[in-house]
């Protein structure tokens, strides 16, 4: 996906910070054994089975990257939502899917 929409650096950081905060809040609402920790702008989710999902910002590319057992994903803001650069899947959809897969619980993420 090549979006002509490009965030300025400060707007990018504000949006990513909001995504990480919303993700943490969304996870507080679920009844699952998931530890969330933000360190240096990187959100690490650790599950009871010791697997992890890592969500971090890639400032030069203006992307959010997600690493999960099922693979690595790159998301770019299209002016309305964060979309995977290969599949066009939304960040919310991907996070709901990979967190559900790794936790063993059905979890719907809203950010």
C-alpha atoms as a PDB file:
ATOM      1  CA  UNK A   1       0.000   0.000   0.000  1.00  0.00           C
ATOM      2  CA  UNK A   2       1.492   3.323  -1.000  1.00  0.00           C
ATOM      3  CA  UNK A   3      -0.502   6.040   0.685  1.00  0.00           C
ATOM      4  CA  UNK A   4       0.065   9.649  -0.370  1.00  0.00           C
ATOM      5  CA  UNK A   5      -0.905  10.653   3.187  1.00  0.00           C
ATOM      6  CA  UNK A   6       2.189  11.455   5.275  1.00  0.00           C
ATOM      7  CA  UNK A   7       2.141  12.494   8.938  1.00  0.00           C
ATOM      8  CA  UNK A   8       4.528  15.127  10.232  1.00  0.00           C
ATOM      9  CA  UNK A   9       6.841  13.671  12.882  1.00  0.00           C
ATOM     10  CA  UNK A  10       5.122  15.306  15.868  1.00  0.00           C
ATOM     11  CA  UNK A  11       1.663  14.217  14.645  1.00  0.00           C
ATOM     12  CA  UNK A  12       3.013  10.708  14.051  1.00  0.00           C
ATOM     13  CA  UNK A  13       4.313  10.462  17.632  1.00  0.00           C
ATOM     14  CA  UNK A  14       1.023  11.802  19.033  1.00  0.00           C
ATOM     15  CA  UNK A  15      -0.983   9.228  17.064  1.00  0.00           C
ATOM     16  CA  UNK A  16       1.290   6.321  18.031  1.00  0.00           C
ATOM     17  CA  UNK A  17       1.236   7.338  21.703  1.00  0.00           C
ATOM     18  CA  UNK A  18      -2.574   7.411  21.520  1.00  0.00           C
ATOM     19  CA  UNK A  19      -2.626   3.940  19.900  1.00  0.00           C
ATOM     20  CA  UNK A  20      -0.351   2.441  22.568  1.00  0.00           C
ATOM     21  CA  UNK A  21      -2.404   4.018  25.370  1.00  0.00           C
ATOM     22  CA  UNK A  22      -5.706   2.863  23.833  1.00  0.00           C
ATOM     23  CA  UNK A  23      -4.324  -0.651  23.392  1.00  0.00           C
ATOM     24  CA  UNK A  24      -3.260  -0.797  27.040  1.00  0.00           C
ATOM     25  CA  UNK A  25      -6.694   0.444  28.147  1.00  0.00           C
ATOM     26  CA  UNK A  26      -8.448  -2.045  25.868  1.00  0.00           C
ATOM     27  CA  UNK A  27      -6.438  -4.907  27.389  1.00  0.00           C
ATOM     28  CA  UNK A  28      -7.338  -3.809  30.925  1.00  0.00           C
ATOM     29  CA  UNK A  29     -10.973  -4.485  30.006  1.00  0.00           C
ATOM     30  CA  UNK A  30     -10.441  -8.131  29.016  1.00  0.00           C
ATOM     31  CA  UNK A  31     -10.401 -11.130  31.307  1.00  0.00           C
ATOM     32  CA  UNK A  32      -7.194 -12.731  30.065  1.00  0.00           C
ATOM     33  CA  UNK A  33      -3.707 -13.313  31.461  1.00  0.00           C
ATOM     34  CA  UNK A  34      -1.796 -10.694  29.462  1.00  0.00           C
ATOM     35  CA  UNK A  35       1.000  -8.566  30.892  1.00  0.00           C
ATOM     36  CA  UNK A  36       1.500  -5.247  29.102  1.00  0.00           C
ATOM     37  CA  UNK A  37       4.589  -3.088  29.522  1.00  0.00           C
ATOM     38  CA  UNK A  38       5.623   0.082  27.724  1.00  0.00           C
ATOM     39  CA  UNK A  39       9.319   0.850  27.691  1.00  0.00           C
ATOM     40  CA  UNK A  40      10.862   3.467  25.427  1.00  0.00           C
ATOM     41  CA  UNK A  41       7.784   3.659  23.212  1.00  0.00           C
ATOM     42  CA  UNK A  42       7.675  -0.107  22.716  1.00  0.00           C
ATOM     43  CA  UNK A  43       4.652  -2.030  23.996  1.00  0.00           C
ATOM     44  CA  UNK A  44       5.389  -5.637  24.911  1.00  0.00           C
ATOM     45  CA  UNK A  45       2.506  -7.997  25.561  1.00  0.00           C
ATOM     46  CA  UNK A  46       3.411 -11.246  27.283  1.00  0.00           C
ATOM     47  CA  UNK A  47       0.965 -14.134  27.528  1.00  0.00           C
ATOM     48  CA  UNK A  48       0.648 -17.014  30.003  1.00  0.00           C
ATOM     49  CA  UNK A  49       2.339 -19.319  27.455  1.00  0.00           C
ATOM     50  CA  UNK A  50       5.369 -16.929  27.456  1.00  0.00           C
ATOM     51  CA  UNK A  51       4.775 -15.839  23.860  1.00  0.00           C
ATOM     52  CA  UNK A  52       4.925 -12.119  23.090  1.00  0.00           C
ATOM     53  CA  UNK A  53       3.461  -9.509  20.792  1.00  0.00           C
ATOM     54  CA  UNK A  54       5.583  -6.395  20.332  1.00  0.00           C
ATOM     55  CA  UNK A  55       4.131  -3.102  19.063  1.00  0.00           C
ATOM     56  CA  UNK A  56       6.541  -0.300  18.273  1.00  0.00           C
ATOM     57  CA  UNK A  57       6.941   2.848  16.237  1.00  0.00           C
ATOM     58  CA  UNK A  58       9.217   3.187  13.248  1.00  0.00           C
ATOM     59  CA  UNK A  59       9.631   6.943  13.022  1.00  0.00           C
ATOM     60  CA  UNK A  60      11.643   7.174   9.760  1.00  0.00           C
ATOM     61  CA  UNK A  61       8.962   5.184   7.923  1.00  0.00           C
ATOM     62  CA  UNK A  62       6.044   6.734   9.887  1.00  0.00           C
ATOM     63  CA  UNK A  63       4.832   3.190  10.594  1.00  0.00           C
ATOM     64  CA  UNK A  64       3.736   1.036  13.506  1.00  0.00           C
ATOM     65  CA  UNK A  65       5.338  -2.392  13.454  1.00  0.00           C
ATOM     66  CA  UNK A  66       3.835  -5.453  15.113  1.00  0.00           C
ATOM     67  CA  UNK A  67       5.802  -8.642  15.776  1.00  0.00           C
ATOM     68  CA  UNK A  68       3.782 -11.748  16.661  1.00  0.00           C
ATOM     69  CA  UNK A  69       4.163 -15.524  16.404  1.00  0.00           C
ATOM     70  CA  UNK A  70       2.343 -15.373  13.064  1.00  0.00           C
ATOM     71  CA  UNK A  71       4.754 -12.833  11.574  1.00  0.00           C
ATOM     72  CA  UNK A  72       5.798  -9.218  11.304  1.00  0.00           C
ATOM     73  CA  UNK A  73       3.411  -6.500  10.142  1.00  0.00           C
ATOM     74  CA  UNK A  74       3.892  -2.870   9.134  1.00  0.00           C
ATOM     75  CA  UNK A  75       1.083  -0.325   9.476  1.00  0.00           C
ATOM     76  CA  UNK A  76       0.820   3.115   7.901  1.00  0.00           C
ATOM     77  CA  UNK A  77      -1.777   5.758   8.705  1.00  0.00           C
ATOM     78  CA  UNK A  78      -3.986   6.438   5.682  1.00  0.00           C
ATOM     79  CA  UNK A  79      -5.666   9.564   7.035  1.00  0.00           C
ATOM     80  CA  UNK A  80      -8.401   7.603   8.815  1.00  0.00           C
ATOM     81  CA  UNK A  81      -6.898   4.405  10.255  1.00  0.00           C
ATOM     82  CA  UNK A  82      -3.697   2.375  10.482  1.00  0.00           C
ATOM     83  CA  UNK A  83      -3.521  -0.189   7.633  1.00  0.00           C
ATOM     84  CA  UNK A  84      -1.116  -3.059   6.967  1.00  0.00           C
ATOM     85  CA  UNK A  85       1.153  -2.130   4.080  1.00  0.00           C
ATOM     86  CA  UNK A  86       0.751  -5.573   2.458  1.00  0.00           C
ATOM     87  CA  UNK A  87      -2.757  -6.829   3.234  1.00  0.00           C
ATOM     88  CA  UNK A  88      -4.540  -3.530   3.989  1.00  0.00           C
ATOM     89  CA  UNK A  89      -5.890  -5.126   7.215  1.00  0.00           C
ATOM     90  CA  UNK A  90      -6.603  -2.596   9.974  1.00  0.00           C
ATOM     91  CA  UNK A  91      -4.389  -2.464  13.046  1.00  0.00           C
ATOM     92  CA  UNK A  92      -7.414  -3.167  15.274  1.00  0.00           C
ATOM     93  CA  UNK A  93      -8.292  -6.277  13.285  1.00  0.00           C
ATOM     94  CA  UNK A  94      -4.732  -7.607  13.242  1.00  0.00           C
ATOM     95  CA  UNK A  95      -4.205  -6.989  16.972  1.00  0.00           C
ATOM     96  CA  UNK A  96      -7.534  -8.657  17.806  1.00  0.00           C
ATOM     97  CA  UNK A  97      -6.510 -11.676  15.729  1.00  0.00           C
ATOM     98  CA  UNK A  98      -2.926 -12.143  16.954  1.00  0.00           C
ATOM     99  CA  UNK A  99      -3.740 -11.410  20.592  1.00  0.00           C
ATOM    100  CA  UNK A 100      -6.613 -13.902  20.442  1.00  0.00           C
ATOM    101  CA  UNK A 101      -4.347 -16.507  18.818  1.00  0.00           C
ATOM    102  CA  UNK A 102      -1.575 -16.094  21.363  1.00  0.00           C
ATOM    103  CA  UNK A 103      -3.767 -15.768  24.463  1.00  0.00           C
ATOM    104  CA  UNK A 104      -6.173 -18.556  23.583  1.00  0.00           C
ATOM    105  CA  UNK A 105      -9.096 -16.227  24.351  1.00  0.00           C
ATOM    106  CA  UNK A 106     -11.341 -14.362  21.913  1.00  0.00           C
ATOM    107  CA  UNK A 107     -10.325 -10.731  22.332  1.00  0.00           C
ATOM    108  CA  UNK A 108     -11.586  -7.720  20.430  1.00  0.00           C
ATOM    109  CA  UNK A 109      -9.250  -4.728  20.470  1.00  0.00           C
ATOM    110  CA  UNK A 110     -10.579  -1.214  20.082  1.00  0.00           C
ATOM    111  CA  UNK A 111      -8.160   1.621  19.502  1.00  0.00           C
END
